[in-house]
């Protein structure tokens, strides 16, 4: 019976953690320019231009990739989207990373 309870607790904890963060992404349409006789896809982010295939990680916690569709950016860490904090817990931020900890203690339930 104890093994069953431990397994059930592990499954419930895992399911809780899977719903802690929802994703957040957007696309900035590309523009095109001629390089010689070849049309080249150019992506722009924060007034900087990037060639097709470029991948950047920004200081404001985003990872972006220049694709044929444009600059595809997704938040990382605490900028990944809405964070669901269980009752009795709080978020502690560390640059782009974060932890969800129990209020009044140091029990970490999620570390990213």
PDB file of N, CA and C in Angstrom:
ATOM      1  N   UNK A   1       0.821  -1.202   0.000  1.00  0.00           N
ATOM      2  CA  UNK A   1       0.000   0.000   0.000  1.00  0.00           C
ATOM      3  C   UNK A   1       0.863   1.264   0.000  1.00  0.00           C
ATOM      4  N   UNK A   2       1.981   1.251   0.742  1.00  0.00           N
ATOM      5  CA  UNK A   2       2.855   2.425   0.789  1.00  0.00           C
ATOM      6  C   UNK A   2       3.435   2.739  -0.576  1.00  0.00           C
ATOM      7  N   UNK A   3       3.767   1.710  -1.350  1.00  0.00           N
ATOM      8  CA  UNK A   3       4.292   1.936  -2.702  1.00  0.00           C
ATOM      9  C   UNK A   3       3.235   2.582  -3.584  1.00  0.00           C
ATOM     10  N   UNK A   4       2.002   2.139  -3.444  1.00  0.00           N
ATOM     11  CA  UNK A   4       0.911   2.708  -4.230  1.00  0.00           C
ATOM     12  C   UNK A   4       0.712   4.183  -3.877  1.00  0.00           C
ATOM     13  N   UNK A   5       0.750   4.512  -2.599  1.00  0.00           N
ATOM     14  CA  UNK A   5       0.611   5.910  -2.171  1.00  0.00           C
ATOM     15  C   UNK A   5       1.765   6.756  -2.698  1.00  0.00           C
ATOM     16  N   UNK A   6       2.987   6.217  -2.626  1.00  0.00           N
ATOM     17  CA  UNK A   6       4.156   6.952  -3.122  1.00  0.00           C
ATOM     18  C   UNK A   6       4.045   7.183  -4.620  1.00  0.00           C
ATOM     19  N   UNK A   7       3.608   6.164  -5.362  1.00  0.00           N
ATOM     20  CA  UNK A   7       3.447   6.288  -6.809  1.00  0.00           C
ATOM     21  C   UNK A   7       2.368   7.316  -7.139  1.00  0.00           C
ATOM     22  N   UNK A   8       1.262   7.261  -6.435  1.00  0.00           N
ATOM     23  CA  UNK A   8       0.175   8.215  -6.659  1.00  0.00           C
ATOM     24  C   UNK A   8       0.631   9.645  -6.363  1.00  0.00           C
ATOM     25  N   UNK A   9       1.377   9.829  -5.278  1.00  0.00           N
ATOM     26  CA  UNK A   9       1.900  11.150  -4.939  1.00  0.00           C
ATOM     27  C   UNK A   9       2.849  11.654  -6.020  1.00  0.00           C
ATOM     28  N   UNK A  10       3.708  10.778  -6.541  1.00  0.00           N
ATOM     29  CA  UNK A  10       4.647  11.164  -7.589  1.00  0.00           C
ATOM     30  C   UNK A  10       3.899  11.573  -8.858  1.00  0.00           C
ATOM     31  N   UNK A  11       2.878  10.814  -9.239  1.00  0.00           N
ATOM     32  CA  UNK A  11       2.090  11.130 -10.436  1.00  0.00           C
ATOM     33  C   UNK A  11       1.377  12.472 -10.263  1.00  0.00           C
ATOM     34  N   UNK A  12       0.795  12.705  -9.106  1.00  0.00           N
ATOM     35  CA  UNK A  12       0.078  13.965  -8.871  1.00  0.00           C
ATOM     36  C   UNK A  12       1.039  15.152  -8.874  1.00  0.00           C
ATOM     37  N   UNK A  13       2.222  14.992  -8.293  1.00  0.00           N
ATOM     38  CA  UNK A  13       3.226  16.061  -8.302  1.00  0.00           C
ATOM     39  C   UNK A  13       3.665  16.365  -9.720  1.00  0.00           C
ATOM     40  N   UNK A  14       3.917  15.326 -10.510  1.00  0.00           N
ATOM     41  CA  UNK A  14       4.327  15.506 -11.906  1.00  0.00           C
ATOM     42  C   UNK A  14       3.245  16.226 -12.696  1.00  0.00           C
ATOM     43  N   UNK A  15       1.998  15.848 -12.522  1.00  0.00           N
ATOM     44  CA  UNK A  15       0.899  16.495 -13.243  1.00  0.00           C
ATOM     45  C   UNK A  15       0.782  17.966 -12.834  1.00  0.00           C
ATOM     46  N   UNK A  16       1.009  18.276 -11.566  1.00  0.00           N
ATOM     47  CA  UNK A  16       0.980  19.667 -11.111  1.00  0.00           C
ATOM     48  C   UNK A  16       2.071  20.468 -11.792  1.00  0.00           C
ATOM     49  N   UNK A  17       3.272  19.919 -11.861  1.00  0.00           N
ATOM     50  CA  UNK A  17       4.389  20.627 -12.469  1.00  0.00           C
ATOM     51  C   UNK A  17       4.187  20.826 -13.960  1.00  0.00           C
ATOM     52  N   UNK A  18       3.512  19.910 -14.622  1.00  0.00           N
ATOM     53  CA  UNK A  18       3.274  20.050 -16.054  1.00  0.00           C
ATOM     54  C   UNK A  18       2.371  21.229 -16.369  1.00  0.00           C
ATOM     55  N   UNK A  19       1.571  21.660 -15.409  1.00  0.00           N
ATOM     56  CA  UNK A  19       0.665  22.784 -15.651  1.00  0.00           C
ATOM     57  C   UNK A  19       1.150  24.072 -14.998  1.00  0.00           C
ATOM     58  N   UNK A  20       2.380  24.104 -14.507  1.00  0.00           N
ATOM     59  CA  UNK A  20       2.892  25.288 -13.828  1.00  0.00           C
ATOM     60  C   UNK A  20       3.108  26.450 -14.793  1.00  0.00           C
ATOM     61  N   UNK A  21       3.615  26.189 -16.006  1.00  0.00           N
ATOM     62  CA  UNK A  21       3.938  27.256 -16.954  1.00  0.00           C
ATOM     63  C   UNK A  21       3.253  26.991 -18.290  1.00  0.00           C
ATOM     64  N   UNK A  22       2.561  28.001 -18.821  1.00  0.00           N
ATOM     65  CA  UNK A  22       1.977  27.941 -20.159  1.00  0.00           C
ATOM     66  C   UNK A  22       2.883  28.711 -21.108  1.00  0.00           C
ATOM     67  N   UNK A  23       3.041  28.226 -22.349  1.00  0.00           N
ATOM     68  CA  UNK A  23       3.951  28.849 -23.307  1.00  0.00           C
ATOM     69  C   UNK A  23       3.477  30.200 -23.821  1.00  0.00           C
ATOM     70  N   UNK A  24       4.437  30.992 -24.299  1.00  0.00           N
ATOM     71  CA  UNK A  24       4.146  32.318 -24.835  1.00  0.00           C
ATOM     72  C   UNK A  24       5.095  32.594 -25.993  1.00  0.00           C
ATOM     73  N   UNK A  25       4.558  32.686 -27.228  1.00  0.00           N
ATOM     74  CA  UNK A  25       5.388  32.903 -28.420  1.00  0.00           C
ATOM     75  C   UNK A  25       4.711  33.907 -29.358  1.00  0.00           C
ATOM     76  N   UNK A  26       5.510  34.480 -30.263  1.00  0.00           N
ATOM     77  CA  UNK A  26       4.982  35.379 -31.291  1.00  0.00           C
ATOM     78  C   UNK A  26       5.916  35.349 -32.497  1.00  0.00           C
ATOM     79  N   UNK A  27       5.420  35.873 -33.634  1.00  0.00           N
ATOM     80  CA  UNK A  27       6.204  35.919 -34.876  1.00  0.00           C
ATOM     81  C   UNK A  27       6.185  37.349 -35.417  1.00  0.00           C
ATOM     82  N   UNK A  28       7.363  37.844 -35.791  1.00  0.00           N
ATOM     83  CA  UNK A  28       7.481  39.137 -36.473  1.00  0.00           C
ATOM     84  C   UNK A  28       7.724  38.827 -37.948  1.00  0.00           C
ATOM     85  N   UNK A  29       6.822  39.244 -38.854  1.00  0.00           N
ATOM     86  CA  UNK A  29       6.990  38.915 -40.281  1.00  0.00           C
ATOM     87  C   UNK A  29       8.342  39.392 -40.820  1.00  0.00           C
ATOM     88  N   UNK A  30       8.903  38.633 -41.771  1.00  0.00           N
ATOM     89  CA  UNK A  30      10.210  39.008 -42.328  1.00  0.00           C
ATOM     90  C   UNK A  30      10.069  40.074 -43.407  1.00  0.00           C
ATOM     91  N   UNK A  31      11.198  40.606 -43.836  1.00  0.00           N
ATOM     92  CA  UNK A  31      11.230  41.386 -45.067  1.00  0.00           C
ATOM     93  C   UNK A  31      12.342  40.795 -45.930  1.00  0.00           C
ATOM     94  N   UNK A  32      12.377  41.201 -47.159  1.00  0.00           N
ATOM     95  CA  UNK A  32      13.299  40.588 -48.122  1.00  0.00           C
ATOM     96  C   UNK A  32      14.152  41.672 -48.759  1.00  0.00           C
ATOM     97  N   UNK A  33      15.375  41.315 -49.079  1.00  0.00           N
ATOM     98  CA  UNK A  33      16.283  42.246 -49.738  1.00  0.00           C
ATOM     99  C   UNK A  33      17.086  41.485 -50.788  1.00  0.00           C
ATOM    100  N   UNK A  34      17.592  42.205 -51.759  1.00  0.00           N
ATOM    101  CA  UNK A  34      18.426  41.581 -52.789  1.00  0.00           C
ATOM    102  C   UNK A  34      19.892  41.652 -52.374  1.00  0.00           C
ATOM    103  N   UNK A  35      20.569  40.518 -52.445  1.00  0.00           N
ATOM    104  CA  UNK A  35      22.017  40.451 -52.275  1.00  0.00           C
ATOM    105  C   UNK A  35      22.552  39.941 -53.601  1.00  0.00           C
ATOM    106  N   UNK A  36      23.055  40.857 -54.399  1.00  0.00           N
ATOM    107  CA  UNK A  36      23.405  40.506 -55.773  1.00  0.00           C
ATOM    108  C   UNK A  36      22.121  40.302 -56.541  1.00  0.00           C
ATOM    109  N   UNK A  37      21.915  39.093 -57.048  1.00  0.00           N
ATOM    110  CA  UNK A  37      20.682  38.772 -57.778  1.00  0.00           C
ATOM    111  C   UNK A  37      19.770  37.861 -56.962  1.00  0.00           C
ATOM    112  N   UNK A  38      20.173  37.558 -55.727  1.00  0.00           N
ATOM    113  CA  UNK A  38      19.421  36.618 -54.891  1.00  0.00           C
ATOM    114  C   UNK A  38      18.604  37.366 -53.836  1.00  0.00           C
ATOM    115  N   UNK A  39      17.308  36.997 -53.727  1.00  0.00           N
ATOM    116  CA  UNK A  39      16.454  37.563 -52.690  1.00  0.00           C
ATOM    117  C   UNK A  39      16.726  36.825 -51.376  1.00  0.00           C
ATOM    118  N   UNK A  40      16.968  37.581 -50.312  1.00  0.00           N
ATOM    119  CA  UNK A  40      17.343  37.004 -49.022  1.00  0.00           C
ATOM    120  C   UNK A  40      16.299  37.386 -47.969  1.00  0.00           C
ATOM    121  N   UNK A  41      15.937  36.412 -47.114  1.00  0.00           N
ATOM    122  CA  UNK A  41      15.019  36.658 -46.003  1.00  0.00           C
ATOM    123  C   UNK A  41      15.768  37.356 -44.876  1.00  0.00           C
ATOM    124  N   UNK A  42      15.203  38.453 -44.397  1.00  0.00           N
ATOM    125  CA  UNK A  42      15.785  39.213 -43.290  1.00  0.00           C
ATOM    126  C   UNK A  42      14.745  39.297 -42.165  1.00  0.00           C
ATOM    127  N   UNK A  43      15.169  38.953 -40.955  1.00  0.00           N
ATOM    128  CA  UNK A  43      14.311  39.095 -39.779  1.00  0.00           C
ATOM    129  C   UNK A  43      14.828  40.258 -38.946  1.00  0.00           C
ATOM    130  N   UNK A  44      13.915  40.912 -38.244  1.00  0.00           N
ATOM    131  CA  UNK A  44      14.301  42.044 -37.408  1.00  0.00           C
ATOM    132  C   UNK A  44      13.804  41.824 -35.988  1.00  0.00           C
ATOM    133  N   UNK A  45      14.650  42.203 -35.036  1.00  0.00           N
ATOM    134  CA  UNK A  45      14.266  42.160 -33.618  1.00  0.00           C
ATOM    135  C   UNK A  45      15.035  43.253 -32.893  1.00  0.00           C
ATOM    136  N   UNK A  46      14.342  44.104 -32.176  1.00  0.00           N
ATOM    137  CA  UNK A  46      14.958  45.230 -31.452  1.00  0.00           C
ATOM    138  C   UNK A  46      15.868  46.066 -32.344  1.00  0.00           C
ATOM    139  N   UNK A  47      15.394  46.385 -33.529  1.00  0.00           N
ATOM    140  CA  UNK A  47      16.101  47.243 -34.499  1.00  0.00           C
ATOM    141  C   UNK A  47      17.406  46.625 -35.021  1.00  0.00           C
ATOM    142  N   UNK A  48      17.566  45.322 -34.867  1.00  0.00           N
ATOM    143  CA  UNK A  48      18.723  44.601 -35.416  1.00  0.00           C
ATOM    144  C   UNK A  48      18.209  43.646 -36.488  1.00  0.00           C
ATOM    145  N   UNK A  49      19.003  43.448 -37.550  1.00  0.00           N
ATOM    146  CA  UNK A  49      18.618  42.541 -38.630  1.00  0.00           C
ATOM    147  C   UNK A  49      19.407  41.241 -38.526  1.00  0.00           C
ATOM    148  N   UNK A  50      18.718  40.131 -38.839  1.00  0.00           N
ATOM    149  CA  UNK A  50      19.313  38.801 -38.750  1.00  0.00           C
ATOM    150  C   UNK A  50      19.019  38.024 -40.022  1.00  0.00           C
ATOM    151  N   UNK A  51      19.964  37.198 -40.428  1.00  0.00           N
ATOM    152  CA  UNK A  51      19.788  36.346 -41.601  1.00  0.00           C
ATOM    153  C   UNK A  51      19.032  35.077 -41.234  1.00  0.00           C
ATOM    154  N   UNK A  52      18.446  34.464 -42.246  1.00  0.00           N
ATOM    155  CA  UNK A  52      17.715  33.213 -42.097  1.00  0.00           C
ATOM    156  C   UNK A  52      18.577  32.196 -41.349  1.00  0.00           C
ATOM    157  N   UNK A  53      18.001  31.550 -40.348  1.00  0.00           N
ATOM    158  CA  UNK A  53      18.714  30.540 -39.565  1.00  0.00           C
ATOM    159  C   UNK A  53      19.347  31.068 -38.289  1.00  0.00           C
ATOM    160  N   UNK A  54      19.406  32.388 -38.140  1.00  0.00           N
ATOM    161  CA  UNK A  54      20.001  32.968 -36.926  1.00  0.00           C
ATOM    162  C   UNK A  54      19.149  32.638 -35.708  1.00  0.00           C
ATOM    163  N   UNK A  55      19.808  32.363 -34.590  1.00  0.00           N
ATOM    164  CA  UNK A  55      19.133  32.115 -33.314  1.00  0.00           C
ATOM    165  C   UNK A  55      19.750  33.055 -32.286  1.00  0.00           C
ATOM    166  N   UNK A  56      18.894  33.774 -31.568  1.00  0.00           N
ATOM    167  CA  UNK A  56      19.388  34.690 -30.540  1.00  0.00           C
ATOM    168  C   UNK A  56      18.665  34.433 -29.223  1.00  0.00           C
ATOM    169  N   UNK A  57      19.315  34.772 -28.142  1.00  0.00           N
ATOM    170  CA  UNK A  57      18.706  34.766 -26.812  1.00  0.00           C
ATOM    171  C   UNK A  57      18.834  36.186 -26.283  1.00  0.00           C
ATOM    172  N   UNK A  58      17.703  36.803 -25.949  1.00  0.00           N
ATOM    173  CA  UNK A  58      17.697  38.212 -25.569  1.00  0.00           C
ATOM    174  C   UNK A  58      17.852  38.393 -24.057  1.00  0.00           C
ATOM    175  N   UNK A  59      18.212  39.608 -23.665  1.00  0.00           N
ATOM    176  CA  UNK A  59      18.355  39.927 -22.246  1.00  0.00           C
ATOM    177  C   UNK A  59      17.013  39.954 -21.527  1.00  0.00           C
ATOM    178  N   UNK A  60      15.915  40.128 -22.309  1.00  0.00           N
ATOM    179  CA  UNK A  60      14.598  40.122 -21.678  1.00  0.00           C
ATOM    180  C   UNK A  60      13.938  38.749 -21.753  1.00  0.00           C
ATOM    181  N   UNK A  61      14.764  37.698 -21.736  1.00  0.00           N
ATOM    182  CA  UNK A  61      14.322  36.310 -21.552  1.00  0.00           C
ATOM    183  C   UNK A  61      13.474  35.768 -22.704  1.00  0.00           C
ATOM    184  N   UNK A  62      13.947  35.955 -23.921  1.00  0.00           N
ATOM    185  CA  UNK A  62      13.315  35.365 -25.097  1.00  0.00           C
ATOM    186  C   UNK A  62      14.373  34.637 -25.912  1.00  0.00           C
ATOM    187  N   UNK A  63      13.938  33.576 -26.584  1.00  0.00           N
ATOM    188  CA  UNK A  63      14.792  32.914 -27.563  1.00  0.00           C
ATOM    189  C   UNK A  63      14.091  33.057 -28.906  1.00  0.00           C
ATOM    190  N   UNK A  64      14.816  33.575 -29.906  1.00  0.00           N
ATOM    191  CA  UNK A  64      14.233  33.872 -31.212  1.00  0.00           C
ATOM    192  C   UNK A  64      15.026  33.184 -32.313  1.00  0.00           C
ATOM    193  N   UNK A  65      14.303  32.766 -33.353  1.00  0.00           N
ATOM    194  CA  UNK A  65      14.940  32.144 -34.514  1.00  0.00           C
ATOM    195  C   UNK A  65      14.366  32.760 -35.779  1.00  0.00           C
ATOM    196  N   UNK A  66      15.272  33.129 -36.712  1.00  0.00           N
ATOM    197  CA  UNK A  66      14.847  33.687 -37.994  1.00  0.00           C
ATOM    198  C   UNK A  66      14.516  32.535 -38.937  1.00  0.00           C
ATOM    199  N   UNK A  67      13.241  32.460 -39.351  1.00  0.00           N
ATOM    200  CA  UNK A  67      12.774  31.413 -40.259  1.00  0.00           C
ATOM    201  C   UNK A  67      12.142  32.066 -41.488  1.00  0.00           C
ATOM    202  N   UNK A  68      11.745  31.257 -42.448  1.00  0.00           N
ATOM    203  CA  UNK A  68      11.041  31.770 -43.632  1.00  0.00           C
ATOM    204  C   UNK A  68       9.768  32.516 -43.237  1.00  0.00           C
ATOM    205  N   UNK A  69       9.158  32.131 -42.105  1.00  0.00           N
ATOM    206  CA  UNK A  69       7.931  32.778 -41.625  1.00  0.00           C
ATOM    207  C   UNK A  69       8.200  34.091 -40.917  1.00  0.00           C
ATOM    208  N   UNK A  70       9.446  34.327 -40.526  1.00  0.00           N
ATOM    209  CA  UNK A  70       9.806  35.541 -39.798  1.00  0.00           C
ATOM    210  C   UNK A  70      10.556  35.205 -38.527  1.00  0.00           C
ATOM    211  N   UNK A  71      10.716  36.190 -37.663  1.00  0.00           N
ATOM    212  CA  UNK A  71      11.412  36.003 -36.394  1.00  0.00           C
ATOM    213  C   UNK A  71      10.434  35.394 -35.403  1.00  0.00           C
ATOM    214  N   UNK A  72      10.658  34.140 -35.054  1.00  0.00           N
ATOM    215  CA  UNK A  72       9.802  33.426 -34.117  1.00  0.00           C
ATOM    216  C   UNK A  72      10.447  33.499 -32.743  1.00  0.00           C
ATOM    217  N   UNK A  73       9.756  34.131 -31.807  1.00  0.00           N
ATOM    218  CA  UNK A  73      10.297  34.341 -30.465  1.00  0.00           C
ATOM    219  C   UNK A  73       9.389  33.698 -29.424  1.00  0.00           C
ATOM    220  N   UNK A  74      10.011  33.052 -28.452  1.00  0.00           N
ATOM    221  CA  UNK A  74       9.285  32.457 -27.336  1.00  0.00           C
ATOM    222  C   UNK A  74       9.967  32.863 -26.040  1.00  0.00           C
ATOM    223  N   UNK A  75       9.152  33.147 -25.043  1.00  0.00           N
ATOM    224  CA  UNK A  75       9.700  33.459 -23.735  1.00  0.00           C
ATOM    225  C   UNK A  75      10.361  32.230 -23.136  1.00  0.00           C
ATOM    226  N   UNK A  76      11.394  32.466 -22.351  1.00  0.00           N
ATOM    227  CA  UNK A  76      12.059  31.382 -21.629  1.00  0.00           C
ATOM    228  C   UNK A  76      12.051  31.725 -20.142  1.00  0.00           C
ATOM    229  N   UNK A  77      12.150  30.709 -19.316  1.00  0.00           N
ATOM    230  CA  UNK A  77      12.135  30.935 -17.872  1.00  0.00           C
ATOM    231  C   UNK A  77      10.827  31.549 -17.427  1.00  0.00           C
ATOM    232  N   UNK A  78      10.909  32.574 -16.593  1.00  0.00           N
ATOM    233  CA  UNK A  78       9.681  33.189 -16.076  1.00  0.00           C
ATOM    234  C   UNK A  78       8.931  33.978 -17.135  1.00  0.00           C
ATOM    235  N   UNK A  79       9.506  34.193 -18.328  1.00  0.00           N
ATOM    236  CA  UNK A  79       8.812  34.873 -19.428  1.00  0.00           C
ATOM    237  C   UNK A  79       8.169  33.874 -20.394  1.00  0.00           C
ATOM    238  N   UNK A  80       8.151  32.601 -20.023  1.00  0.00           N
ATOM    239  CA  UNK A  80       7.592  31.580 -20.906  1.00  0.00           C
ATOM    240  C   UNK A  80       6.075  31.666 -20.998  1.00  0.00           C
ATOM    241  N   UNK A  81       5.442  32.381 -20.108  1.00  0.00           N
ATOM    242  CA  UNK A  81       3.996  32.514 -20.141  1.00  0.00           C
ATOM    243  C   UNK A  81       3.442  32.633 -18.739  1.00  0.00           C
ATOM    244  N   UNK A  82       2.155  32.375 -18.610  1.00  0.00           N
ATOM    245  CA  UNK A  82       1.503  32.460 -17.307  1.00  0.00           C
ATOM    246  C   UNK A  82       2.038  31.362 -16.399  1.00  0.00           C
ATOM    247  N   UNK A  83       2.372  31.732 -15.190  1.00  0.00           N
ATOM    248  CA  UNK A  83       2.874  30.774 -14.209  1.00  0.00           C
ATOM    249  C   UNK A  83       1.779  30.564 -13.171  1.00  0.00           C
ATOM    250  N   UNK A  84       1.377  29.326 -12.995  1.00  0.00           N
ATOM    251  CA  UNK A  84       0.341  28.992 -12.024  1.00  0.00           C
ATOM    252  C   UNK A  84       1.019  28.623 -10.708  1.00  0.00           C
ATOM    253  N   UNK A  85       0.848  29.452  -9.714  1.00  0.00           N
ATOM    254  CA  UNK A  85       1.492  29.229  -8.421  1.00  0.00           C
ATOM    255  C   UNK A  85       0.474  28.613  -7.469  1.00  0.00           C
ATOM    256  N   UNK A  86       0.775  27.415  -6.959  1.00  0.00           N
ATOM    257  CA  UNK A  86      -0.155  26.776  -6.022  1.00  0.00           C
ATOM    258  C   UNK A  86      -0.337  27.618  -4.756  1.00  0.00           C
ATOM    259  N   UNK A  87      -1.483  27.488  -4.130  1.00  0.00           N
ATOM    260  CA  UNK A  87      -1.758  28.210  -2.895  1.00  0.00           C
ATOM    261  C   UNK A  87      -0.690  27.875  -1.852  1.00  0.00           C
ATOM    262  N   UNK A  88      -0.235  28.894  -1.141  1.00  0.00           N
ATOM    263  CA  UNK A  88       0.774  28.694  -0.109  1.00  0.00           C
ATOM    264  C   UNK A  88       2.198  28.717  -0.638  1.00  0.00           C
ATOM    265  N   UNK A  89       2.364  29.089  -1.917  1.00  0.00           N
ATOM    266  CA  UNK A  89       3.686  29.140  -2.540  1.00  0.00           C
ATOM    267  C   UNK A  89       3.896  30.505  -3.197  1.00  0.00           C
ATOM    268  N   UNK A  90       5.142  30.810  -3.539  1.00  0.00           N
ATOM    269  CA  UNK A  90       5.462  32.069  -4.209  1.00  0.00           C
ATOM    270  C   UNK A  90       6.562  31.827  -5.238  1.00  0.00           C
ATOM    271  N   UNK A  91       6.751  32.818  -6.136  1.00  0.00           N
ATOM    272  CA  UNK A  91       7.795  32.740  -7.165  1.00  0.00           C
ATOM    273  C   UNK A  91       8.991  33.554  -6.701  1.00  0.00           C
ATOM    274  N   UNK A  92      10.179  32.982  -6.869  1.00  0.00           N
ATOM    275  CA  UNK A  92      11.421  33.724  -6.660  1.00  0.00           C
ATOM    276  C   UNK A  92      12.151  33.764  -7.993  1.00  0.00           C
ATOM    277  N   UNK A  93      12.470  34.992  -8.474  1.00  0.00           N
ATOM    278  CA  UNK A  93      13.098  35.184  -9.786  1.00  0.00           C
ATOM    279  C   UNK A  93      14.616  35.249  -9.666  1.00  0.00           C
ATOM    280  N   UNK A  94      15.295  34.656 -10.642  1.00  0.00           N
ATOM    281  CA  UNK A  94      16.749  34.706 -10.764  1.00  0.00           C
ATOM    282  C   UNK A  94      17.059  34.939 -12.236  1.00  0.00           C
ATOM    283  N   UNK A  95      17.197  36.204 -12.651  1.00  0.00           N
ATOM    284  CA  UNK A  95      17.358  36.586 -14.047  1.00  0.00           C
ATOM    285  C   UNK A  95      16.203  35.975 -14.839  1.00  0.00           C
ATOM    286  N   UNK A  96      16.451  35.083 -15.789  1.00  0.00           N
ATOM    287  CA  UNK A  96      15.348  34.480 -16.551  1.00  0.00           C
ATOM    288  C   UNK A  96      14.762  33.253 -15.858  1.00  0.00           C
ATOM    289  N   UNK A  97      15.494  32.668 -14.941  1.00  0.00           N
ATOM    290  CA  UNK A  97      15.032  31.464 -14.252  1.00  0.00           C
ATOM    291  C   UNK A  97      14.170  31.839 -13.049  1.00  0.00           C
ATOM    292  N   UNK A  98      13.480  30.840 -12.506  1.00  0.00           N
ATOM    293  CA  UNK A  98      12.667  31.072 -11.324  1.00  0.00           C
ATOM    294  C   UNK A  98      12.488  29.771 -10.563  1.00  0.00           C
ATOM    295  N   UNK A  99      12.074  29.922  -9.318  1.00  0.00           N
ATOM    296  CA  UNK A  99      11.701  28.780  -8.488  1.00  0.00           C
ATOM    297  C   UNK A  99      10.342  29.080  -7.883  1.00  0.00           C
ATOM    298  N   UNK A 100       9.556  28.042  -7.687  1.00  0.00           N
ATOM    299  CA  UNK A 100       8.317  28.166  -6.931  1.00  0.00           C
ATOM    300  C   UNK A 100       8.597  27.514  -5.586  1.00  0.00           C
ATOM    301  N   UNK A 101       8.493  28.312  -4.527  1.00  0.00           N
ATOM    302  CA  UNK A 101       8.855  27.828  -3.194  1.00  0.00           C
ATOM    303  C   UNK A 101       7.680  27.992  -2.240  1.00  0.00           C
ATOM    304  N   UNK A 102       7.685  27.163  -1.226  1.00  0.00           N
ATOM    305  CA  UNK A 102       6.651  27.227  -0.203  1.00  0.00           C
ATOM    306  C   UNK A 102       6.868  28.478   0.645  1.00  0.00           C
ATOM    307  N   UNK A 103       5.807  29.223   0.910  1.00  0.00           N
ATOM    308  CA  UNK A 103       5.900  30.421   1.744  1.00  0.00           C
ATOM    309  C   UNK A 103       6.265  29.995   3.162  1.00  0.00           C
ATOM    310  N   UNK A 104       7.258  30.691   3.719  1.00  0.00           N
ATOM    311  CA  UNK A 104       7.684  30.387   5.083  1.00  0.00           C
ATOM    312  C   UNK A 104       8.689  29.257   5.164  1.00  0.00           C
ATOM    313  N   UNK A 105       9.133  28.757   4.032  1.00  0.00           N
ATOM    314  CA  UNK A 105      10.109  27.668   4.033  1.00  0.00           C
ATOM    315  C   UNK A 105      10.895  27.668   2.744  1.00  0.00           C
ATOM    316  N   UNK A 106      11.772  26.728   2.580  1.00  0.00           N
ATOM    317  CA  UNK A 106      12.600  26.651   1.371  1.00  0.00           C
ATOM    318  C   UNK A 106      12.285  25.394   0.566  1.00  0.00           C
ATOM    319  N   UNK A 107      11.109  24.826   0.733  1.00  0.00           N
ATOM    320  CA  UNK A 107      10.732  23.662  -0.069  1.00  0.00           C
ATOM    321  C   UNK A 107      10.489  24.131  -1.501  1.00  0.00           C
ATOM    322  N   UNK A 108      11.339  23.693  -2.425  1.00  0.00           N
ATOM    323  CA  UNK A 108      11.218  24.074  -3.832  1.00  0.00           C
ATOM    324  C   UNK A 108      10.343  23.042  -4.528  1.00  0.00           C
ATOM    325  N   UNK A 109       9.241  23.490  -5.167  1.00  0.00           N
ATOM    326  CA  UNK A 109       8.415  22.534  -5.898  1.00  0.00           C
ATOM    327  C   UNK A 109       8.642  22.611  -7.399  1.00  0.00           C
ATOM    328  N   UNK A 110       9.249  23.693  -7.877  1.00  0.00           N
ATOM    329  CA  UNK A 110       9.561  23.805  -9.300  1.00  0.00           C
ATOM    330  C   UNK A 110      10.791  24.670  -9.434  1.00  0.00           C
ATOM    331  N   UNK A 111      11.762  24.186 -10.190  1.00  0.00           N
ATOM    332  CA  UNK A 111      13.027  24.898 -10.376  1.00  0.00           C
ATOM    333  C   UNK A 111      13.318  24.956 -11.855  1.00  0.00           C
ATOM    334  N   UNK A 112      13.308  26.154 -12.437  1.00  0.00           N
ATOM    335  CA  UNK A 112      13.581  26.315 -13.872  1.00  0.00           C
ATOM    336  C   UNK A 112      14.602  27.381 -14.056  1.00  0.00           C
TER     337      UNK A 112
END
